[in-house]
Structures are given as structure tokens and as C-alpha cells.
Amino acid sequence: LDELIVATNTADNEVAAIEEKTDE
């Protein structure tokens, strides 16, 4: 999924590492 996010030009690349974020 991260590879698809990074490869998509209009995607927000910060989402690729979102599993590291807090629940909030």
C-alpha cells in the first residue's frame, strides 16, 4: 500500500507512514 501511495502523484505521501501516528 505504501508503494502505491508513493507511486501515485496526487497522493499525500505522509499517509505512507501513518501507522506510526497516535489514535487521535
PDB file of all heavy atoms in Angstrom:
ATOM      1  N   LEU A   1       0.828  -1.204   0.000  1.00  0.00           N
ATOM      2  CA  LEU A   1       0.000   0.000   0.000  1.00  0.00           C
ATOM      3  C   LEU A   1       0.866   1.259   0.000  1.00  0.00           C
ATOM      4  O   LEU A   1       0.576   2.229  -0.717  1.00  0.00           O
ATOM      5  CB  LEU A   1      -0.941   0.000   1.201  1.00  0.00           C
ATOM      6  CG  LEU A   1      -2.045  -1.044   1.171  1.00  0.00           C
ATOM      7  CD1 LEU A   1      -2.775  -1.070   2.500  1.00  0.00           C
ATOM      8  CD2 LEU A   1      -2.994  -0.803   0.027  1.00  0.00           C
ATOM      9  N   ASP A   2       1.944   1.246   0.793  1.00  0.00           N
ATOM     10  CA  ASP A   2       2.854   2.392   0.828  1.00  0.00           C
ATOM     11  C   ASP A   2       3.465   2.644  -0.542  1.00  0.00           C
ATOM     12  O   ASP A   2       3.597   3.788  -0.981  1.00  0.00           O
ATOM     13  CB  ASP A   2       3.957   2.187   1.861  1.00  0.00           C
ATOM     14  CG  ASP A   2       3.446   2.252   3.296  1.00  0.00           C
ATOM     15  OD1 ASP A   2       2.279   2.640   3.500  1.00  0.00           O
ATOM     16  OD2 ASP A   2       4.221   1.906   4.202  1.00  0.00           O
ATOM     17  N   GLU A   3       3.829   1.586  -1.242  1.00  0.00           N
ATOM     18  CA  GLU A   3       4.400   1.729  -2.583  1.00  0.00           C
ATOM     19  C   GLU A   3       3.397   2.377  -3.526  1.00  0.00           C
ATOM     20  O   GLU A   3       3.752   3.246  -4.316  1.00  0.00           O
ATOM     21  CB  GLU A   3       4.830   0.359  -3.119  1.00  0.00           C
ATOM     22  CG  GLU A   3       5.342   0.378  -4.535  1.00  0.00           C
ATOM     23  CD  GLU A   3       6.636   1.157  -4.724  1.00  0.00           C
ATOM     24  OE1 GLU A   3       7.371   1.351  -3.743  1.00  0.00           O
ATOM     25  OE2 GLU A   3       6.910   1.571  -5.874  1.00  0.00           O
ATOM     26  N   LEU A   4       2.131   1.976  -3.431  1.00  0.00           N
ATOM     27  CA  LEU A   4       1.101   2.578  -4.278  1.00  0.00           C
ATOM     28  C   LEU A   4       0.907   4.059  -3.949  1.00  0.00           C
ATOM     29  O   LEU A   4       0.728   4.884  -4.846  1.00  0.00           O
ATOM     30  CB  LEU A   4      -0.219   1.824  -4.120  1.00  0.00           C
ATOM     31  CG  LEU A   4      -0.244   0.410  -4.699  1.00  0.00           C
ATOM     32  CD1 LEU A   4      -1.548  -0.278  -4.333  1.00  0.00           C
ATOM     33  CD2 LEU A   4      -0.044   0.436  -6.196  1.00  0.00           C
ATOM     34  N   ILE A   5       0.941   4.386  -2.671  1.00  0.00           N
ATOM     35  CA  ILE A   5       0.789   5.785  -2.267  1.00  0.00           C
ATOM     36  C   ILE A   5       1.937   6.621  -2.811  1.00  0.00           C
ATOM     37  O   ILE A   5       1.728   7.686  -3.385  1.00  0.00           O
ATOM     38  CB  ILE A   5       0.710   5.904  -0.727  1.00  0.00           C
ATOM     39  CG1 ILE A   5      -0.593   5.298  -0.214  1.00  0.00           C
ATOM     40  CG2 ILE A   5       0.840   7.363  -0.283  1.00  0.00           C
ATOM     41  CD1 ILE A   5      -0.639   5.106   1.296  1.00  0.00           C
ATOM     42  N   VAL A   6       3.141   6.139  -2.635  1.00  0.00           N
ATOM     43  CA  VAL A   6       4.318   6.883  -3.086  1.00  0.00           C
ATOM     44  C   VAL A   6       4.317   7.005  -4.617  1.00  0.00           C
ATOM     45  O   VAL A   6       4.712   8.037  -5.164  1.00  0.00           O
ATOM     46  CB  VAL A   6       5.615   6.205  -2.572  1.00  0.00           C
ATOM     47  CG1 VAL A   6       6.840   6.809  -3.200  1.00  0.00           C
ATOM     48  CG2 VAL A   6       5.686   6.316  -1.055  1.00  0.00           C
ATOM     49  N   ALA A   7       3.845   5.980  -5.321  1.00  0.00           N
ATOM     50  CA  ALA A   7       3.866   5.989  -6.785  1.00  0.00           C
ATOM     51  C   ALA A   7       2.764   6.859  -7.384  1.00  0.00           C
ATOM     52  O   ALA A   7       2.864   7.266  -8.535  1.00  0.00           O
ATOM     53  CB  ALA A   7       3.742   4.565  -7.307  1.00  0.00           C
ATOM     54  N   THR A   8       1.733   7.158  -6.601  1.00  0.00           N
ATOM     55  CA  THR A   8       0.625   7.975  -7.101  1.00  0.00           C
ATOM     56  C   THR A   8       0.960   9.449  -6.921  1.00  0.00           C
ATOM     57  O   THR A   8       1.200   9.909  -5.805  1.00  0.00           O
ATOM     58  CB  THR A   8      -0.675   7.633  -6.347  1.00  0.00           C
ATOM     59  OG1 THR A   8      -0.907   6.232  -6.461  1.00  0.00           O
ATOM     60  CG2 THR A   8      -1.850   8.386  -6.910  1.00  0.00           C
ATOM     61  N   ASN A   9       0.949  10.187  -8.018  1.00  0.00           N
ATOM     62  CA  ASN A   9       1.375  11.594  -7.982  1.00  0.00           C
ATOM     63  C   ASN A   9       0.489  12.471  -7.111  1.00  0.00           C
ATOM     64  O   ASN A   9       0.980  13.386  -6.454  1.00  0.00           O
ATOM     65  CB  ASN A   9       1.411  12.166  -9.404  1.00  0.00           C
ATOM     66  CG  ASN A   9       2.503  11.533 -10.226  1.00  0.00           C
ATOM     67  OD1 ASN A   9       3.511  11.069  -9.695  1.00  0.00           O
ATOM     68  ND2 ASN A   9       2.313  11.495 -11.539  1.00  0.00           N
ATOM     69  N   THR A  10      -0.804  12.220  -7.083  1.00  0.00           N
ATOM     70  CA  THR A  10      -1.707  13.088  -6.328  1.00  0.00           C
ATOM     71  C   THR A  10      -1.896  12.657  -4.876  1.00  0.00           C
ATOM     72  O   THR A  10      -2.589  13.329  -4.125  1.00  0.00           O
ATOM     73  CB  THR A  10      -3.091  13.138  -7.010  1.00  0.00           C
ATOM     74  OG1 THR A  10      -3.609  11.817  -7.089  1.00  0.00           O
ATOM     75  CG2 THR A  10      -2.983  13.748  -8.404  1.00  0.00           C
ATOM     76  N   ALA A  11      -1.273  11.561  -4.491  1.00  0.00           N
ATOM     77  CA  ALA A  11      -1.441  11.062  -3.118  1.00  0.00           C
ATOM     78  C   ALA A  11      -0.585  11.858  -2.143  1.00  0.00           C
ATOM     79  O   ALA A  11       0.453  12.411  -2.503  1.00  0.00           O
ATOM     80  CB  ALA A  11      -1.056   9.581  -3.047  1.00  0.00           C
ATOM     81  N   ASP A  12      -1.046  11.920  -0.907  1.00  0.00           N
ATOM     82  CA  ASP A  12      -0.289  12.551   0.167  1.00  0.00           C
ATOM     83  C   ASP A  12       0.698  11.512   0.706  1.00  0.00           C
ATOM     84  O   ASP A  12       0.311  10.548   1.356  1.00  0.00           O
ATOM     85  CB  ASP A  12      -1.249  13.006   1.267  1.00  0.00           C
ATOM     86  CG  ASP A  12      -0.549  13.678   2.428  1.00  0.00           C
ATOM     87  OD1 ASP A  12       0.697  13.828   2.377  1.00  0.00           O
ATOM     88  OD2 ASP A  12      -1.248  14.053   3.387  1.00  0.00           O
ATOM     89  N   ASN A  13       1.986  11.702   0.427  1.00  0.00           N
ATOM     90  CA  ASN A  13       2.999  10.715   0.799  1.00  0.00           C
ATOM     91  C   ASN A  13       3.135  10.537   2.308  1.00  0.00           C
ATOM     92  O   ASN A  13       3.666   9.531   2.765  1.00  0.00           O
ATOM     93  CB  ASN A  13       4.353  11.066   0.197  1.00  0.00           C
ATOM     94  CG  ASN A  13       4.386  10.779  -1.294  1.00  0.00           C
ATOM     95  OD1 ASN A  13       3.510  10.122  -1.831  1.00  0.00           O
ATOM     96  ND2 ASN A  13       5.395  11.276  -1.962  1.00  0.00           N
ATOM     97  N   GLU A  14       2.655  11.482   3.094  1.00  0.00           N
ATOM     98  CA  GLU A  14       2.707  11.322   4.548  1.00  0.00           C
ATOM     99  C   GLU A  14       1.827  10.171   5.013  1.00  0.00           C
ATOM    100  O   GLU A  14       2.057   9.588   6.070  1.00  0.00           O
ATOM    101  CB  GLU A  14       2.280  12.623   5.239  1.00  0.00           C
ATOM    102  CG  GLU A  14       3.320  13.720   5.116  1.00  0.00           C
ATOM    103  CD  GLU A  14       2.913  14.974   5.877  1.00  0.00           C
ATOM    104  OE1 GLU A  14       2.148  14.858   6.857  1.00  0.00           O
ATOM    105  OE2 GLU A  14       3.363  16.055   5.489  1.00  0.00           O
ATOM    106  N   VAL A  15       0.830   9.812   4.214  1.00  0.00           N
ATOM    107  CA  VAL A  15      -0.067   8.710   4.560  1.00  0.00           C
ATOM    108  C   VAL A  15       0.689   7.385   4.549  1.00  0.00           C
ATOM    109  O   VAL A  15       0.328   6.447   5.256  1.00  0.00           O
ATOM    110  CB  VAL A  15      -1.276   8.672   3.593  1.00  0.00           C
ATOM    111  CG1 VAL A  15      -2.152   7.463   3.845  1.00  0.00           C
ATOM    112  CG2 VAL A  15      -2.091   9.949   3.721  1.00  0.00           C
ATOM    113  N   ALA A  16       1.774   7.299   3.807  1.00  0.00           N
ATOM    114  CA  ALA A  16       2.529   6.052   3.708  1.00  0.00           C
ATOM    115  C   ALA A  16       3.076   5.607   5.061  1.00  0.00           C
ATOM    116  O   ALA A  16       3.267   4.420   5.285  1.00  0.00           O
ATOM    117  CB  ALA A  16       3.670   6.200   2.700  1.00  0.00           C
ATOM    118  N   ALA A  17       3.301   6.525   5.970  1.00  0.00           N
ATOM    119  CA  ALA A  17       3.841   6.176   7.293  1.00  0.00           C
ATOM    120  C   ALA A  17       2.828   6.446   8.406  1.00  0.00           C
ATOM    121  O   ALA A  17       3.189   6.617   9.559  1.00  0.00           O
ATOM    122  CB  ALA A  17       5.113   6.962   7.547  1.00  0.00           C
ATOM    123  N   ILE A  18       1.557   6.440   8.060  1.00  0.00           N
ATOM    124  CA  ILE A  18       0.525   6.832   9.017  1.00  0.00           C
ATOM    125  C   ILE A  18       0.363   5.834  10.168  1.00  0.00           C
ATOM    126  O   ILE A  18      -0.118   6.188  11.243  1.00  0.00           O
ATOM    127  CB  ILE A  18      -0.827   7.064   8.303  1.00  0.00           C
ATOM    128  CG1 ILE A  18      -1.716   7.946   9.171  1.00  0.00           C
ATOM    129  CG2 ILE A  18      -1.481   5.752   7.921  1.00  0.00           C
ATOM    130  CD1 ILE A  18      -2.832   8.601   8.437  1.00  0.00           C
ATOM    131  N   GLU A  19       0.798   4.580   9.987  1.00  0.00           N
ATOM    132  CA  GLU A  19       0.649   3.597  11.061  1.00  0.00           C
ATOM    133  C   GLU A  19       1.462   3.960  12.288  1.00  0.00           C
ATOM    134  O   GLU A  19       1.254   3.411  13.365  1.00  0.00           O
ATOM    135  CB  GLU A  19       1.006   2.178  10.572  1.00  0.00           C
ATOM    136  CG  GLU A  19       2.443   1.982  10.184  1.00  0.00           C
ATOM    137  CD  GLU A  19       2.757   2.368   8.746  1.00  0.00           C
ATOM    138  OE1 GLU A  19       1.864   2.865   8.034  1.00  0.00           O
ATOM    139  OE2 GLU A  19       3.910   2.179   8.348  1.00  0.00           O
ATOM    140  N   GLU A  20       2.378   4.903  12.152  1.00  0.00           N
ATOM    141  CA  GLU A  20       3.193   5.347  13.280  1.00  0.00           C
ATOM    142  C   GLU A  20       2.510   6.449  14.105  1.00  0.00           C
ATOM    143  O   GLU A  20       3.006   6.821  15.154  1.00  0.00           O
ATOM    144  CB  GLU A  20       4.543   5.878  12.773  1.00  0.00           C
ATOM    145  CG  GLU A  20       5.337   4.883  11.937  1.00  0.00           C
ATOM    146  CD  GLU A  20       5.744   3.641  12.703  1.00  0.00           C
ATOM    147  OE1 GLU A  20       6.023   3.755  13.920  1.00  0.00           O
ATOM    148  OE2 GLU A  20       5.763   2.557  12.106  1.00  0.00           O
ATOM    149  N   LYS A  21       1.390   6.944  13.633  1.00  0.00           N
ATOM    150  CA  LYS A  21       0.691   8.043  14.305  1.00  0.00           C
ATOM    151  C   LYS A  21      -0.112   7.538  15.504  1.00  0.00           C
ATOM    152  O   LYS A  21      -0.385   6.360  15.645  1.00  0.00           O
ATOM    153  CB  LYS A  21      -0.261   8.745  13.325  1.00  0.00           C
ATOM    154  CG  LYS A  21       0.409   9.286  12.075  1.00  0.00           C
ATOM    155  CD  LYS A  21       1.266  10.472  12.376  1.00  0.00           C
ATOM    156  CE  LYS A  21       1.810  11.050  11.082  1.00  0.00           C
ATOM    157  NZ  LYS A  21       2.729  12.123  11.287  1.00  0.00           N
ATOM    158  N   THR A  22      -0.508   8.473  16.364  1.00  0.00           N
ATOM    159  CA  THR A  22      -1.351   8.142  17.518  1.00  0.00           C
ATOM    160  C   THR A  22      -2.787   7.917  17.047  1.00  0.00           C
ATOM    161  O   THR A  22      -3.146   8.271  15.915  1.00  0.00           O
ATOM    162  CB  THR A  22      -1.343   9.284  18.545  1.00  0.00           C
ATOM    163  OG1 THR A  22      -1.973  10.433  17.949  1.00  0.00           O
ATOM    164  CG2 THR A  22       0.073   9.624  18.993  1.00  0.00           C
ATOM    165  N   ASP A  23      -3.613   7.360  17.930  1.00  0.00           N
ATOM    166  CA  ASP A  23      -5.018   7.137  17.579  1.00  0.00           C
ATOM    167  C   ASP A  23      -5.727   8.447  17.247  1.00  0.00           C
ATOM    168  O   ASP A  23      -6.547   8.495  16.327  1.00  0.00           O
ATOM    169  CB  ASP A  23      -5.746   6.420  18.722  1.00  0.00           C
ATOM    170  CG  ASP A  23      -5.322   4.971  18.869  1.00  0.00           C
ATOM    171  OD1 ASP A  23      -4.706   4.421  17.928  1.00  0.00           O
ATOM    172  OD2 ASP A  23      -5.606   4.377  19.933  1.00  0.00           O
ATOM    173  N   GLU A  24      -5.423   9.490  17.986  1.00  0.00           N
ATOM    174  CA  GLU A  24      -6.049  10.789  17.733  1.00  0.00           C
ATOM    175  C   GLU A  24      -5.644  11.326  16.363  1.00  0.00           C
ATOM    176  O   GLU A  24      -6.477  11.855  15.612  1.00  0.00           O
ATOM    177  CB  GLU A  24      -5.662  11.800  18.825  1.00  0.00           C
ATOM    178  CG  GLU A  24      -6.227  11.481  20.192  1.00  0.00           C
ATOM    179  CD  GLU A  24      -5.428  10.408  20.948  1.00  0.00           C
ATOM    180  OE1 GLU A  24      -4.251  10.151  20.611  1.00  0.00           O
ATOM    181  OE2 GLU A  24      -6.007   9.810  21.864  1.00  0.00           O
TER     182      GLU A  24
END
